[in-house]
Amino acid sequence: MKILDFSLVSISQAAHFYGVSVPTMRRWDAQGRLKPYCRTFGNHRRYRLSATDKIKVGYARVSSHD
């Protein structure tokens, strides 16, 4: 018997939480950096969010001219 867990969120909600795009979330999953908690019967990723698990993401702008 499958127990429904309503504390799980979709990939877009998780991406918003982490401040990144959905393709970045998919790339992190493929790289093993941030795996979803589970997948639905339709193979959709589901994440369990926690403030203590929030990773730090840094961005740097790179100039191409000298």
N, C-alpha and C. Protein backbone atom coordinates (compact mmCIF):
# COMPACT_ATOMS: atom_id res chain seq x y z
N MET A 1 0.85 -1.18 0.00
CA MET A 1 0.00 0.00 0.00
C MET A 1 0.88 1.23 0.00
N LYS A 2 0.59 2.18 -0.90
CA LYS A 2 1.36 3.42 -1.03
C LYS A 2 0.75 4.46 -0.11
N ILE A 3 1.60 5.08 0.73
CA ILE A 3 1.16 6.15 1.62
C ILE A 3 1.53 7.47 0.97
N LEU A 4 0.55 8.35 0.82
CA LEU A 4 0.80 9.65 0.19
C LEU A 4 1.49 10.59 1.17
N ASP A 5 2.49 11.28 0.68
CA ASP A 5 3.24 12.23 1.49
C ASP A 5 3.10 13.60 0.85
N PHE A 6 2.31 14.48 1.47
CA PHE A 6 2.03 15.79 0.89
C PHE A 6 3.10 16.82 1.22
N SER A 7 4.18 16.43 1.89
CA SER A 7 5.26 17.36 2.17
C SER A 7 6.30 17.36 1.04
N LEU A 8 6.04 16.60 -0.01
CA LEU A 8 6.95 16.55 -1.15
C LEU A 8 6.51 17.58 -2.19
N VAL A 9 7.49 18.17 -2.88
CA VAL A 9 7.18 19.22 -3.85
C VAL A 9 7.70 18.83 -5.23
N SER A 10 7.20 19.52 -6.24
CA SER A 10 7.61 19.26 -7.62
C SER A 10 8.99 19.85 -7.88
N ILE A 11 9.53 19.53 -9.05
CA ILE A 11 10.86 20.02 -9.40
C ILE A 11 10.86 21.55 -9.56
N SER A 12 9.77 22.13 -10.06
CA SER A 12 9.73 23.58 -10.22
C SER A 12 9.67 24.29 -8.87
N GLN A 13 8.95 23.72 -7.92
CA GLN A 13 8.90 24.31 -6.58
C GLN A 13 10.25 24.18 -5.89
N ALA A 14 10.94 23.06 -6.08
CA ALA A 14 12.27 22.87 -5.51
C ALA A 14 13.27 23.83 -6.15
N ALA A 15 13.17 24.02 -7.46
CA ALA A 15 14.07 24.95 -8.15
C ALA A 15 13.88 26.37 -7.62
N HIS A 16 12.65 26.76 -7.39
CA HIS A 16 12.37 28.08 -6.82
C HIS A 16 12.96 28.20 -5.41
N PHE A 17 12.83 27.16 -4.63
CA PHE A 17 13.37 27.13 -3.27
C PHE A 17 14.88 27.31 -3.26
N TYR A 18 15.56 26.62 -4.18
CA TYR A 18 17.03 26.69 -4.24
C TYR A 18 17.53 27.88 -5.05
N GLY A 19 16.63 28.56 -5.77
CA GLY A 19 17.02 29.73 -6.54
C GLY A 19 17.73 29.40 -7.83
N VAL A 20 17.39 28.27 -8.43
CA VAL A 20 18.00 27.84 -9.69
C VAL A 20 16.89 27.49 -10.67
N SER A 21 17.27 27.17 -11.90
CA SER A 21 16.29 26.80 -12.92
C SER A 21 15.99 25.30 -12.86
N VAL A 22 14.91 24.92 -13.51
CA VAL A 22 14.53 23.51 -13.57
C VAL A 22 15.59 22.69 -14.31
N PRO A 23 16.14 23.19 -15.44
CA PRO A 23 17.22 22.41 -16.08
C PRO A 23 18.43 22.19 -15.16
N THR A 24 18.73 23.16 -14.30
CA THR A 24 19.83 22.98 -13.34
C THR A 24 19.50 21.86 -12.36
N MET A 25 18.26 21.80 -11.90
CA MET A 25 17.84 20.72 -11.00
C MET A 25 18.00 19.37 -11.70
N ARG A 26 17.62 19.30 -12.96
CA ARG A 26 17.75 18.04 -13.70
C ARG A 26 19.22 17.66 -13.88
N ARG A 27 20.06 18.66 -14.16
CA ARG A 27 21.50 18.40 -14.32
C ARG A 27 22.09 17.91 -13.01
N TRP A 28 21.72 18.55 -11.89
CA TRP A 28 22.21 18.11 -10.58
C TRP A 28 21.79 16.68 -10.28
N ASP A 29 20.58 16.31 -10.68
CA ASP A 29 20.11 14.94 -10.48
C ASP A 29 20.97 13.99 -11.31
N ALA A 30 21.24 14.33 -12.56
CA ALA A 30 22.06 13.47 -13.43
C ALA A 30 23.48 13.34 -12.90
N GLN A 31 24.00 14.41 -12.29
CA GLN A 31 25.36 14.39 -11.74
C GLN A 31 25.43 13.78 -10.35
N GLY A 32 24.27 13.54 -9.74
CA GLY A 32 24.24 12.97 -8.40
C GLY A 32 24.45 14.00 -7.30
N ARG A 33 24.37 15.27 -7.62
CA ARG A 33 24.62 16.33 -6.63
C ARG A 33 23.41 16.56 -5.72
N LEU A 34 22.21 16.45 -6.29
CA LEU A 34 20.99 16.67 -5.51
C LEU A 34 19.92 15.74 -6.06
N LYS A 35 19.75 14.63 -5.42
CA LYS A 35 18.80 13.62 -5.88
C LYS A 35 17.40 13.90 -5.34
N PRO A 36 16.37 13.59 -6.13
CA PRO A 36 15.01 13.72 -5.61
C PRO A 36 14.76 12.69 -4.52
N TYR A 37 13.81 12.98 -3.65
CA TYR A 37 13.46 12.06 -2.57
C TYR A 37 12.85 10.78 -3.15
N CYS A 38 12.00 10.95 -4.17
CA CYS A 38 11.38 9.81 -4.82
C CYS A 38 10.85 10.26 -6.18
N ARG A 39 10.27 9.30 -6.89
CA ARG A 39 9.62 9.59 -8.17
C ARG A 39 8.20 9.05 -8.11
N THR A 40 7.28 9.73 -8.80
CA THR A 40 5.89 9.30 -8.83
C THR A 40 5.73 8.15 -9.81
N PHE A 41 4.53 7.61 -9.90
CA PHE A 41 4.25 6.55 -10.86
C PHE A 41 4.44 7.04 -12.29
N GLY A 42 4.27 8.34 -12.51
CA GLY A 42 4.49 8.93 -13.83
C GLY A 42 5.93 9.36 -14.05
N ASN A 43 6.84 8.98 -13.15
CA ASN A 43 8.28 9.25 -13.21
C ASN A 43 8.62 10.73 -13.00
N HIS A 44 7.77 11.45 -12.28
CA HIS A 44 8.05 12.85 -11.94
C HIS A 44 8.88 12.90 -10.66
N ARG A 45 9.86 13.79 -10.65
CA ARG A 45 10.71 13.94 -9.46
C ARG A 45 9.94 14.64 -8.36
N ARG A 46 10.14 14.20 -7.12
CA ARG A 46 9.56 14.84 -5.95
C ARG A 46 10.67 15.08 -4.94
N TYR A 47 10.68 16.27 -4.38
CA TYR A 47 11.72 16.67 -3.44
C TYR A 47 11.11 16.98 -2.09
N ARG A 48 11.86 16.68 -1.05
CA ARG A 48 11.49 17.05 0.30
C ARG A 48 12.41 18.20 0.67
N LEU A 49 11.82 19.36 0.99
CA LEU A 49 12.60 20.57 1.26
C LEU A 49 12.81 20.76 2.75
N SER A 50 13.99 21.22 3.08
CA SER A 50 14.34 21.54 4.45
C SER A 50 15.32 22.70 4.43
N ALA A 51 15.13 23.67 5.31
CA ALA A 51 16.02 24.83 5.35
C ALA A 51 17.44 24.41 5.69
N THR A 52 17.61 23.34 6.44
CA THR A 52 18.96 22.89 6.81
C THR A 52 19.65 22.22 5.62
N ASP A 53 18.86 21.72 4.66
CA ASP A 53 19.43 21.07 3.49
C ASP A 53 19.69 22.05 2.35
N LYS A 54 19.31 23.29 2.53
CA LYS A 54 19.45 24.27 1.46
C LYS A 54 20.93 24.48 1.15
N ILE A 55 21.28 24.24 -0.09
CA ILE A 55 22.67 24.36 -0.50
C ILE A 55 22.96 25.79 -0.93
N LYS A 56 24.21 26.16 -0.85
CA LYS A 56 24.61 27.49 -1.25
C LYS A 56 25.06 27.44 -2.70
N VAL A 57 24.50 28.35 -3.49
CA VAL A 57 24.83 28.43 -4.90
C VAL A 57 25.43 29.79 -5.16
N GLY A 58 26.59 29.82 -5.80
CA GLY A 58 27.24 31.09 -6.11
C GLY A 58 27.37 31.29 -7.60
N TYR A 59 27.17 32.51 -8.03
CA TYR A 59 27.30 32.86 -9.44
C TYR A 59 28.35 33.94 -9.58
N ALA A 60 29.09 33.89 -10.65
CA ALA A 60 30.10 34.91 -10.94
C ALA A 60 29.96 35.33 -12.39
N ARG A 61 30.03 36.63 -12.62
CA ARG A 61 29.97 37.14 -13.97
C ARG A 61 31.40 37.22 -14.50
N VAL A 62 31.60 36.70 -15.69
CA VAL A 62 32.93 36.67 -16.28
C VAL A 62 32.94 37.59 -17.48
N SER A 63 33.87 38.53 -17.49
CA SER A 63 34.00 39.46 -18.61
C SER A 63 34.88 38.84 -19.67
N SER A 64 34.50 39.00 -20.94
CA SER A 64 35.27 38.39 -22.01
C SER A 64 36.27 39.34 -22.67
N HIS A 65 36.24 40.64 -22.32
CA HIS A 65 37.21 41.55 -22.93
C HIS A 65 38.29 41.97 -21.94
N ASP A 66 39.43 42.32 -22.47
CA ASP A 66 40.61 42.61 -21.65
C ASP A 66 40.54 43.98 -21.02
